[in-house]
PDB file of all heavy atoms in Angstrom:
ATOM      1  N   MET A   1      -4.345-193.808  74.814  1.00  0.00           N
ATOM      2  CA  MET A   1      -3.921-195.142  74.376  1.00  0.00           C
ATOM      3  C   MET A   1      -4.782-195.630  73.211  1.00  0.00           C
ATOM      4  O   MET A   1      -4.276-196.125  72.204  1.00  0.00           O
ATOM      5  CB  MET A   1      -4.012-196.127  75.545  1.00  0.00           C
ATOM      6  CG  MET A   1      -2.996-195.904  76.654  1.00  0.00           C
ATOM      7  SD  MET A   1      -3.166-197.154  77.957  1.00  0.00           S
ATOM      8  CE  MET A   1      -1.910-196.599  79.127  1.00  0.00           C
ATOM      9  N   LYS A   2      -6.088-195.478  73.351  1.00  0.00           N
ATOM     10  CA  LYS A   2      -7.016-195.925  72.301  1.00  0.00           C
ATOM     11  C   LYS A   2      -6.773-195.184  70.998  1.00  0.00           C
ATOM     12  O   LYS A   2      -6.927-195.750  69.902  1.00  0.00           O
ATOM     13  CB  LYS A   2      -8.455-195.719  72.771  1.00  0.00           C
ATOM     14  CG  LYS A   2      -9.504-196.267  71.813  1.00  0.00           C
ATOM     15  CD  LYS A   2     -10.894-196.085  72.376  1.00  0.00           C
ATOM     16  CE  LYS A   2     -11.939-196.658  71.423  1.00  0.00           C
ATOM     17  NZ  LYS A   2     -13.318-196.503  71.955  1.00  0.00           N
ATOM     18  N   GLU A   3      -6.386-193.914  71.092  1.00  0.00           N
ATOM     19  CA  GLU A   3      -6.130-193.096  69.897  1.00  0.00           C
ATOM     20  C   GLU A   3      -4.786-193.412  69.244  1.00  0.00           C
ATOM     21  O   GLU A   3      -4.419-192.804  68.234  1.00  0.00           O
ATOM     22  CB  GLU A   3      -6.194-191.615  70.263  1.00  0.00           C
ATOM     23  CG  GLU A   3      -7.592-191.121  70.614  1.00  0.00           C
ATOM     24  CD  GLU A   3      -8.546-191.226  69.444  1.00  0.00           C
ATOM     25  OE1 GLU A   3      -8.205-190.711  68.359  1.00  0.00           O
ATOM     26  OE2 GLU A   3      -9.621-191.842  69.616  1.00  0.00           O
ATOM     27  N   GLY A   4      -4.028-194.331  69.816  1.00  0.00           N
ATOM     28  CA  GLY A   4      -2.748-194.728  69.235  1.00  0.00           C
ATOM     29  C   GLY A   4      -1.624-193.745  69.479  1.00  0.00           C
ATOM     30  O   GLY A   4      -0.620-193.743  68.751  1.00  0.00           O
ATOM     31  N   LEU A   5      -1.764-192.929  70.521  1.00  0.00           N
ATOM     32  CA  LEU A   5      -0.757-191.902  70.799  1.00  0.00           C
ATOM     33  C   LEU A   5       0.360-192.399  71.709  1.00  0.00           C
ATOM     34  O   LEU A   5       1.356-191.697  71.891  1.00  0.00           O
ATOM     35  CB  LEU A   5      -1.434-190.687  71.443  1.00  0.00           C
ATOM     36  CG  LEU A   5      -2.530-190.014  70.610  1.00  0.00           C
ATOM     37  CD1 LEU A   5      -3.208-188.908  71.411  1.00  0.00           C
ATOM     38  CD2 LEU A   5      -1.949-189.460  69.316  1.00  0.00           C
ATOM     39  N   ILE A   6       0.194-193.586  72.280  1.00  0.00           N
ATOM     40  CA  ILE A   6       1.148-194.083  73.267  1.00  0.00           C
ATOM     41  C   ILE A   6       1.832-195.355  72.776  1.00  0.00           C
ATOM     42  O   ILE A   6       1.165-196.321  72.392  1.00  0.00           O
ATOM     43  CB  ILE A   6       0.439-194.376  74.613  1.00  0.00           C
ATOM     44  CG1 ILE A   6      -0.323-193.144  75.106  1.00  0.00           C
ATOM     45  CG2 ILE A   6       1.461-194.844  75.660  1.00  0.00           C
ATOM     46  CD1 ILE A   6       0.531-191.921  75.331  1.00  0.00           C
ATOM     47  N   ASN A   7       3.166-195.357  72.793  1.00  0.00           N
ATOM     48  CA  ASN A   7       3.958-196.533  72.432  1.00  0.00           C
ATOM     49  C   ASN A   7       4.535-197.255  73.633  1.00  0.00           C
ATOM     50  O   ASN A   7       4.895-198.432  73.544  1.00  0.00           O
ATOM     51  CB  ASN A   7       5.104-196.132  71.496  1.00  0.00           C
ATOM     52  CG  ASN A   7       4.617-195.468  70.226  1.00  0.00           C
ATOM     53  OD1 ASN A   7       4.727-194.254  70.073  1.00  0.00           O
ATOM     54  ND2 ASN A   7       4.069-196.258  69.310  1.00  0.00           N
ATOM     55  N   ALA A   8       4.626-196.543  74.760  1.00  0.00           N
ATOM     56  CA  ALA A   8       5.171-197.162  75.977  1.00  0.00           C
ATOM     57  C   ALA A   8       4.771-196.329  77.175  1.00  0.00           C
ATOM     58  O   ALA A   8       4.528-195.120  77.058  1.00  0.00           O
ATOM     59  CB  ALA A   8       6.689-197.281  75.907  1.00  0.00           C
ATOM     60  N   VAL A   9       4.689-196.982  78.325  1.00  0.00           N
ATOM     61  CA  VAL A   9       4.442-196.305  79.596  1.00  0.00           C
ATOM     62  C   VAL A   9       5.694-196.429  80.446  1.00  0.00           C
ATOM     63  O   VAL A   9       6.255-197.521  80.587  1.00  0.00           O
ATOM     64  CB  VAL A   9       3.237-196.925  80.345  1.00  0.00           C
ATOM     65  CG1 VAL A   9       3.032-196.225  81.682  1.00  0.00           C
ATOM     66  CG2 VAL A   9       1.979-196.852  79.499  1.00  0.00           C
ATOM     67  N   LEU A  10       6.145-195.300  81.003  1.00  0.00           N
ATOM     68  CA  LEU A  10       7.309-195.284  81.883  1.00  0.00           C
ATOM     69  C   LEU A  10       6.882-194.756  83.249  1.00  0.00           C
ATOM     70  O   LEU A  10       6.330-193.659  83.340  1.00  0.00           O
ATOM     71  CB  LEU A  10       8.409-194.377  81.329  1.00  0.00           C
ATOM     72  CG  LEU A  10       8.980-194.671  79.941  1.00  0.00           C
ATOM     73  CD1 LEU A  10      10.082-193.665  79.615  1.00  0.00           C
ATOM     74  CD2 LEU A  10       9.528-196.083  79.857  1.00  0.00           C
ATOM     75  N   VAL A  11       7.122-195.531  84.305  1.00  0.00           N
ATOM     76  CA  VAL A  11       6.799-195.083  85.659  1.00  0.00           C
ATOM     77  C   VAL A  11       7.945-195.428  86.602  1.00  0.00           C
ATOM     78  O   VAL A  11       8.662-196.400  86.402  1.00  0.00           O
ATOM     79  CB  VAL A  11       5.490-195.719  86.183  1.00  0.00           C
ATOM     80  CG1 VAL A  11       4.303-195.345  85.312  1.00  0.00           C
ATOM     81  CG2 VAL A  11       5.621-197.233  86.296  1.00  0.00           C
ATOM     82  N   GLY A  12       8.100-194.618  87.640  1.00  0.00           N
ATOM     83  CA  GLY A  12       9.050-194.924  88.691  1.00  0.00           C
ATOM     84  C   GLY A  12       8.393-195.792  89.750  1.00  0.00           C
ATOM     85  O   GLY A  12       7.206-196.107  89.671  1.00  0.00           O
ATOM     86  N   CYS A  13       9.158-196.185  90.743  1.00  0.00           N
ATOM     87  CA  CYS A  13       8.601-197.010  91.817  1.00  0.00           C
ATOM     88  C   CYS A  13       9.316-196.699  93.127  1.00  0.00           C
ATOM     89  O   CYS A  13      10.432-196.180  93.145  1.00  0.00           O
ATOM     90  CB  CYS A  13       8.706-198.495  91.504  1.00  0.00           C
ATOM     91  SG  CYS A  13      10.389-199.142  91.470  1.00  0.00           S
ATOM     92  N   ASP A  14       8.656-197.017  94.222  1.00  0.00           N
ATOM     93  CA  ASP A  14       9.239-196.834  95.540  1.00  0.00           C
ATOM     94  C   ASP A  14       9.707-198.141  96.156  1.00  0.00           C
ATOM     95  O   ASP A  14      10.540-198.137  97.064  1.00  0.00           O
ATOM     96  CB  ASP A  14       8.230-196.167  96.478  1.00  0.00           C
ATOM     97  CG  ASP A  14       8.207-194.665  96.313  1.00  0.00           C
ATOM     98  OD1 ASP A  14       7.978-194.225  95.173  1.00  0.00           O
ATOM     99  OD2 ASP A  14       8.426-193.944  97.295  1.00  0.00           O
ATOM    100  N   ARG A  15       9.152-199.258  95.685  1.00  0.00           N
ATOM    101  CA  ARG A  15       9.533-200.543  96.258  1.00  0.00           C
ATOM    102  C   ARG A  15       9.186-201.651  95.288  1.00  0.00           C
ATOM    103  O   ARG A  15       8.176-201.593  94.595  1.00  0.00           O
ATOM    104  CB  ARG A  15       8.808-200.766  97.581  1.00  0.00           C
ATOM    105  CG  ARG A  15       9.396-201.852  98.474  1.00  0.00           C
ATOM    106  CD  ARG A  15       8.717-201.796  99.828  1.00  0.00           C
ATOM    107  NE  ARG A  15       9.293-202.712 100.782  1.00  0.00           N
ATOM    108  CZ  ARG A  15       8.835-202.893 102.013  1.00  0.00           C
ATOM    109  NH1 ARG A  15       7.792-202.193 102.434  1.00  0.00           N
ATOM    110  NH2 ARG A  15       9.404-203.749 102.840  1.00  0.00           N
ATOM    111  N   VAL A  16      10.046-202.663  95.236  1.00  0.00           N
ATOM    112  CA  VAL A  16       9.823-203.821  94.387  1.00  0.00           C
ATOM    113  C   VAL A  16       9.876-205.063  95.261  1.00  0.00           C
ATOM    114  O   VAL A  16      10.863-205.293  95.969  1.00  0.00           O
ATOM    115  CB  VAL A  16      10.882-203.930  93.266  1.00  0.00           C
ATOM    116  CG1 VAL A  16      10.614-205.155  92.403  1.00  0.00           C
ATOM    117  CG2 VAL A  16      10.901-202.666  92.421  1.00  0.00           C
ATOM    118  N   ALA A  17       8.815-205.859  95.242  1.00  0.00           N
ATOM    119  CA  ALA A  17       8.798-207.109  95.993  1.00  0.00           C
ATOM    120  C   ALA A  17       9.609-208.164  95.253  1.00  0.00           C
ATOM    121  O   ALA A  17       9.914-208.021  94.065  1.00  0.00           O
ATOM    122  CB  ALA A  17       7.362-207.573  96.199  1.00  0.00           C
ATOM    123  N   ALA A  18       9.931-209.256  95.948  1.00  0.00           N
ATOM    124  CA  ALA A  18      10.769-210.301  95.364  1.00  0.00           C
ATOM    125  C   ALA A  18      10.138-210.925  94.126  1.00  0.00           C
ATOM    126  O   ALA A  18      10.843-211.403  93.233  1.00  0.00           O
ATOM    127  CB  ALA A  18      11.058-211.375  96.410  1.00  0.00           C
ATOM    128  N   ASN A  19       8.802-210.921  94.053  1.00  0.00           N
ATOM    129  CA  ASN A  19       8.121-211.528  92.911  1.00  0.00           C
ATOM    130  C   ASN A  19       7.861-210.542  91.774  1.00  0.00           C
ATOM    131  O   ASN A  19       7.245-210.888  90.773  1.00  0.00           O
ATOM    132  CB  ASN A  19       6.792-212.151  93.357  1.00  0.00           C
ATOM    133  CG  ASN A  19       5.740-211.106  93.693  1.00  0.00           C
ATOM    134  OD1 ASN A  19       6.072-209.960  94.020  1.00  0.00           O
ATOM    135  ND2 ASN A  19       4.476-211.485  93.625  1.00  0.00           N
ATOM    136  N   GLY A  20       8.319-209.287  91.942  1.00  0.00           N
ATOM    137  CA  GLY A  20       8.167-208.295  90.885  1.00  0.00           C
ATOM    138  C   GLY A  20       6.966-207.387  91.028  1.00  0.00           C
ATOM    139  O   GLY A  20       6.793-206.483  90.211  1.00  0.00           O
ATOM    140  N   ASP A  21       6.126-207.603  92.045  1.00  0.00           N
ATOM    141  CA  ASP A  21       5.077-206.622  92.328  1.00  0.00           C
ATOM    142  C   ASP A  21       5.756-205.313  92.730  1.00  0.00           C
ATOM    143  O   ASP A  21       6.785-205.332  93.417  1.00  0.00           O
ATOM    144  CB  ASP A  21       4.187-207.086  93.487  1.00  0.00           C
ATOM    145  CG  ASP A  21       3.332-208.287  93.145  1.00  0.00           C
ATOM    146  OD1 ASP A  21       3.206-208.609  91.953  1.00  0.00           O
ATOM    147  OD2 ASP A  21       2.794-208.921  94.081  1.00  0.00           O
ATOM    148  N   THR A  22       5.191-204.179  92.334  1.00  0.00           N
ATOM    149  CA  THR A  22       5.838-202.900  92.629  1.00  0.00           C
ATOM    150  C   THR A  22       4.883-201.935  93.316  1.00  0.00           C
ATOM    151  O   THR A  22       3.682-201.923  93.043  1.00  0.00           O
ATOM    152  CB  THR A  22       6.368-202.229  91.341  1.00  0.00           C
ATOM    153  OG1 THR A  22       5.271-201.945  90.460  1.00  0.00           O
ATOM    154  CG2 THR A  22       7.368-203.127  90.626  1.00  0.00           C
ATOM    155  N   ALA A  23       5.433-201.133  94.217  1.00  0.00           N
ATOM    156  CA  ALA A  23       4.676-200.052  94.850  1.00  0.00           C
ATOM    157  C   ALA A  23       4.927-198.782  94.058  1.00  0.00           C
ATOM    158  O   ALA A  23       6.063-198.321  93.947  1.00  0.00           O
ATOM    159  CB  ALA A  23       5.108-199.870  96.300  1.00  0.00           C
ATOM    160  N   ASN A  24       3.856-198.240  93.494  1.00  0.00           N
ATOM    161  CA  ASN A  24       3.945-197.039  92.676  1.00  0.00           C
ATOM    162  C   ASN A  24       2.958-196.001  93.191  1.00  0.00           C
ATOM    163  O   ASN A  24       2.085-196.313  93.989  1.00  0.00           O
ATOM    164  CB  ASN A  24       3.612-197.348  91.215  1.00  0.00           C
ATOM    165  CG  ASN A  24       4.320-198.562  90.687  1.00  0.00           C
ATOM    166  OD1 ASN A  24       3.796-199.661  90.789  1.00  0.00           O
ATOM    167  ND2 ASN A  24       5.501-198.387  90.126  1.00  0.00           N
ATOM    168  N   LYS A  25       3.102-194.788  92.716  1.00  0.00           N
ATOM    169  CA  LYS A  25       2.157-193.739  93.079  1.00  0.00           C
ATOM    170  C   LYS A  25       0.733-194.206  92.798  1.00  0.00           C
ATOM    171  O   LYS A  25       0.484-194.882  91.805  1.00  0.00           O
ATOM    172  CB  LYS A  25       2.465-192.462  92.294  1.00  0.00           C
ATOM    173  CG  LYS A  25       1.523-191.313  92.603  1.00  0.00           C
ATOM    174  CD  LYS A  25       1.612-190.876  94.046  1.00  0.00           C
ATOM    175  CE  LYS A  25       0.603-189.784  94.360  1.00  0.00           C
ATOM    176  NZ  LYS A  25       0.598-189.432  95.778  1.00  0.00           N
ATOM    177  N   ILE A  26      -0.191-193.833  93.672  1.00  0.00           N
ATOM    178  CA  ILE A  26      -1.579-194.259  93.530  1.00  0.00           C
ATOM    179  C   ILE A  26      -2.098-193.951  92.120  1.00  0.00           C
ATOM    180  O   ILE A  26      -1.862-192.875  91.573  1.00  0.00           O
ATOM    181  CB  ILE A  26      -2.472-193.579  94.598  1.00  0.00           C
ATOM    182  CG1 ILE A  26      -3.877-194.205  94.626  1.00  0.00           C
ATOM    183  CG2 ILE A  26      -2.533-192.086  94.400  1.00  0.00           C
ATOM    184  CD1 ILE A  26      -3.898-195.583  95.167  1.00  0.00           C
ATOM    185  N   GLY A  27      -2.779-194.918  91.536  1.00  0.00           N
ATOM    186  CA  GLY A  27      -3.294-194.779  90.180  1.00  0.00           C
ATOM    187  C   GLY A  27      -2.471-195.504  89.138  1.00  0.00           C
ATOM    188  O   GLY A  27      -2.954-195.765  88.030  1.00  0.00           O
ATOM    189  N   THR A  28      -1.239-195.872  89.490  1.00  0.00           N
ATOM    190  CA  THR A  28      -0.357-196.509  88.508  1.00  0.00           C
ATOM    191  C   THR A  28      -0.872-197.872  88.083  1.00  0.00           C
ATOM    192  O   THR A  28      -0.774-198.249  86.914  1.00  0.00           O
ATOM    193  CB  THR A  28       1.071-196.640  89.070  1.00  0.00           C
ATOM    194  OG1 THR A  28       1.541-195.362  89.480  1.00  0.00           O
ATOM    195  CG2 THR A  28       2.017-197.217  88.036  1.00  0.00           C
TER     196      THR A  28
END
């Protein structure tokens, strides 16, 4: 990221709470 190599992060999820908090693989 610091080197400017990343324009976006894409991750999947297993669960989304009503307020938009998400359960993702550990480390996400």
